[in-house]
Amino acid sequence: MIENFMASLKVMGLGMIGIFAVAIALIIVMKLLTTIFPGSGKKNKKTDDSVSE
């Protein structure tokens, strides 16, 4: 019984490591893409001033 529990903890730990590895990889890719393609720096936000009724 305890052997099964310890085996399940090992599998759960590997899954958690995998989730964090993918999250870190996505963050690194996003940082690289924003460094390579910084954009124009202008933000397109609709404000209440631009809407005239």
N, C-alpha and C. Protein backbone atom coordinates (compact mmCIF):
# COMPACT_ATOMS: atom_id res chain seq x y z
N MET A 1 0.83 -1.20 0.00
CA MET A 1 0.00 0.00 0.00
C MET A 1 0.87 1.26 0.00
N ILE A 2 1.84 1.32 0.89
CA ILE A 2 2.70 2.50 0.96
C ILE A 2 3.58 2.61 -0.29
N GLU A 3 3.89 1.48 -0.90
CA GLU A 3 4.71 1.52 -2.12
C GLU A 3 3.95 2.19 -3.25
N ASN A 4 2.65 1.90 -3.34
CA ASN A 4 1.82 2.54 -4.37
C ASN A 4 1.72 4.04 -4.14
N PHE A 5 1.58 4.42 -2.87
CA PHE A 5 1.50 5.84 -2.54
C PHE A 5 2.79 6.55 -2.90
N MET A 6 3.92 5.97 -2.59
CA MET A 6 5.21 6.59 -2.92
C MET A 6 5.40 6.67 -4.44
N ALA A 7 4.95 5.65 -5.16
CA ALA A 7 5.05 5.68 -6.63
C ALA A 7 4.17 6.78 -7.19
N SER A 8 2.99 6.97 -6.62
CA SER A 8 2.10 8.03 -7.11
C SER A 8 2.68 9.41 -6.81
N LEU A 9 3.36 9.56 -5.68
CA LEU A 9 4.02 10.84 -5.39
C LEU A 9 5.12 11.14 -6.41
N LYS A 10 5.84 10.11 -6.81
CA LYS A 10 6.89 10.30 -7.81
C LYS A 10 6.29 10.76 -9.14
N VAL A 11 5.20 10.13 -9.55
CA VAL A 11 4.54 10.50 -10.80
C VAL A 11 3.99 11.92 -10.71
N MET A 12 3.40 12.26 -9.56
CA MET A 12 2.86 13.60 -9.37
C MET A 12 3.98 14.64 -9.40
N GLY A 13 5.10 14.33 -8.79
CA GLY A 13 6.24 15.25 -8.80
C GLY A 13 6.77 15.48 -10.20
N LEU A 14 6.85 14.42 -10.99
CA LEU A 14 7.31 14.58 -12.37
C LEU A 14 6.33 15.43 -13.18
N GLY A 15 5.05 15.26 -12.94
CA GLY A 15 4.05 16.07 -13.62
C GLY A 15 4.17 17.54 -13.26
N MET A 16 4.38 17.82 -11.99
CA MET A 16 4.53 19.20 -11.55
C MET A 16 5.79 19.84 -12.15
N ILE A 17 6.87 19.09 -12.20
CA ILE A 17 8.10 19.59 -12.82
C ILE A 17 7.85 19.89 -14.30
N GLY A 18 7.11 19.02 -14.97
CA GLY A 18 6.79 19.24 -16.38
C GLY A 18 5.97 20.50 -16.60
N ILE A 19 4.98 20.72 -15.73
CA ILE A 19 4.14 21.91 -15.85
C ILE A 19 4.97 23.18 -15.67
N PHE A 20 5.82 23.21 -14.65
CA PHE A 20 6.65 24.38 -14.42
C PHE A 20 7.67 24.58 -15.54
N ALA A 21 8.20 23.50 -16.10
CA ALA A 21 9.16 23.62 -17.20
C ALA A 21 8.49 24.24 -18.43
N VAL A 22 7.27 23.82 -18.73
CA VAL A 22 6.55 24.39 -19.87
C VAL A 22 6.22 25.86 -19.62
N ALA A 23 5.81 26.20 -18.41
CA ALA A 23 5.51 27.60 -18.09
C ALA A 23 6.75 28.47 -18.23
N ILE A 24 7.88 28.01 -17.75
CA ILE A 24 9.13 28.77 -17.86
C ILE A 24 9.55 28.89 -19.32
N ALA A 25 9.38 27.83 -20.10
CA ALA A 25 9.72 27.88 -21.53
C ALA A 25 8.85 28.90 -22.25
N LEU A 26 7.55 28.95 -21.93
CA LEU A 26 6.67 29.93 -22.56
C LEU A 26 7.07 31.37 -22.19
N ILE A 27 7.44 31.58 -20.94
CA ILE A 27 7.87 32.92 -20.52
C ILE A 27 9.13 33.34 -21.28
N ILE A 28 10.08 32.42 -21.43
CA ILE A 28 11.32 32.72 -22.14
C ILE A 28 11.03 33.04 -23.60
N VAL A 29 10.15 32.26 -24.23
CA VAL A 29 9.80 32.51 -25.64
C VAL A 29 9.13 33.87 -25.78
N MET A 30 8.23 34.22 -24.87
CA MET A 30 7.57 35.53 -24.95
C MET A 30 8.57 36.66 -24.77
N LYS A 31 9.51 36.52 -23.85
CA LYS A 31 10.53 37.55 -23.66
C LYS A 31 11.39 37.70 -24.92
N LEU A 32 11.77 36.57 -25.53
CA LEU A 32 12.56 36.63 -26.75
C LEU A 32 11.80 37.29 -27.87
N LEU A 33 10.54 36.95 -28.04
CA LEU A 33 9.75 37.53 -29.12
C LEU A 33 9.54 39.03 -28.93
N THR A 34 9.33 39.48 -27.68
CA THR A 34 9.18 40.92 -27.47
C THR A 34 10.50 41.65 -27.63
N THR A 35 11.62 40.96 -27.43
CA THR A 35 12.92 41.58 -27.67
C THR A 35 13.20 41.68 -29.17
N ILE A 36 12.86 40.63 -29.91
CA ILE A 36 13.12 40.62 -31.35
C ILE A 36 12.14 41.54 -32.08
N PHE A 37 10.87 41.50 -31.71
CA PHE A 37 9.84 42.30 -32.35
C PHE A 37 9.21 43.24 -31.32
N PRO A 38 9.86 44.38 -31.04
CA PRO A 38 9.36 45.24 -29.95
C PRO A 38 8.06 45.97 -30.27
N GLY A 39 7.71 46.12 -31.54
CA GLY A 39 6.48 46.84 -31.89
C GLY A 39 6.74 48.32 -31.99
N SER A 40 5.69 49.08 -32.21
CA SER A 40 5.83 50.51 -32.41
C SER A 40 5.81 51.29 -31.11
N GLY A 41 5.38 50.68 -30.05
CA GLY A 41 5.33 51.36 -28.77
C GLY A 41 4.03 52.10 -28.54
N LYS A 42 3.17 52.16 -29.56
CA LYS A 42 1.88 52.81 -29.43
C LYS A 42 0.84 51.78 -29.05
N LYS A 43 -0.01 52.15 -28.13
CA LYS A 43 -1.07 51.25 -27.72
C LYS A 43 -2.39 51.75 -28.29
N ASN A 44 -3.15 50.85 -28.87
CA ASN A 44 -4.46 51.18 -29.38
C ASN A 44 -5.50 50.90 -28.31
N LYS A 45 -5.87 51.95 -27.58
CA LYS A 45 -6.90 51.80 -26.57
C LYS A 45 -8.04 52.73 -26.93
N LYS A 46 -9.24 52.18 -26.84
CA LYS A 46 -10.40 53.00 -27.06
C LYS A 46 -10.71 53.72 -25.76
N THR A 47 -10.80 55.04 -25.83
CA THR A 47 -11.10 55.81 -24.63
C THR A 47 -12.47 56.44 -24.80
N ASP A 48 -12.99 56.94 -23.71
CA ASP A 48 -14.29 57.58 -23.75
C ASP A 48 -14.23 58.91 -24.51
N ASP A 49 -13.06 59.54 -24.59
CA ASP A 49 -12.91 60.81 -25.31
C ASP A 49 -13.08 60.65 -26.81
N SER A 50 -12.71 59.47 -27.33
CA SER A 50 -12.77 59.28 -28.79
C SER A 50 -14.18 58.94 -29.26
N VAL A 51 -15.07 58.62 -28.33
CA VAL A 51 -16.44 58.26 -28.70
C VAL A 51 -17.30 59.50 -28.55
N SER A 52 -17.87 59.93 -29.66
CA SER A 52 -18.75 61.11 -29.59
C SER A 52 -20.16 60.68 -29.94
N GLU A 53 -21.08 61.08 -29.09
CA GLU A 53 -22.47 60.71 -29.33
C GLU A 53 -23.30 61.93 -29.57
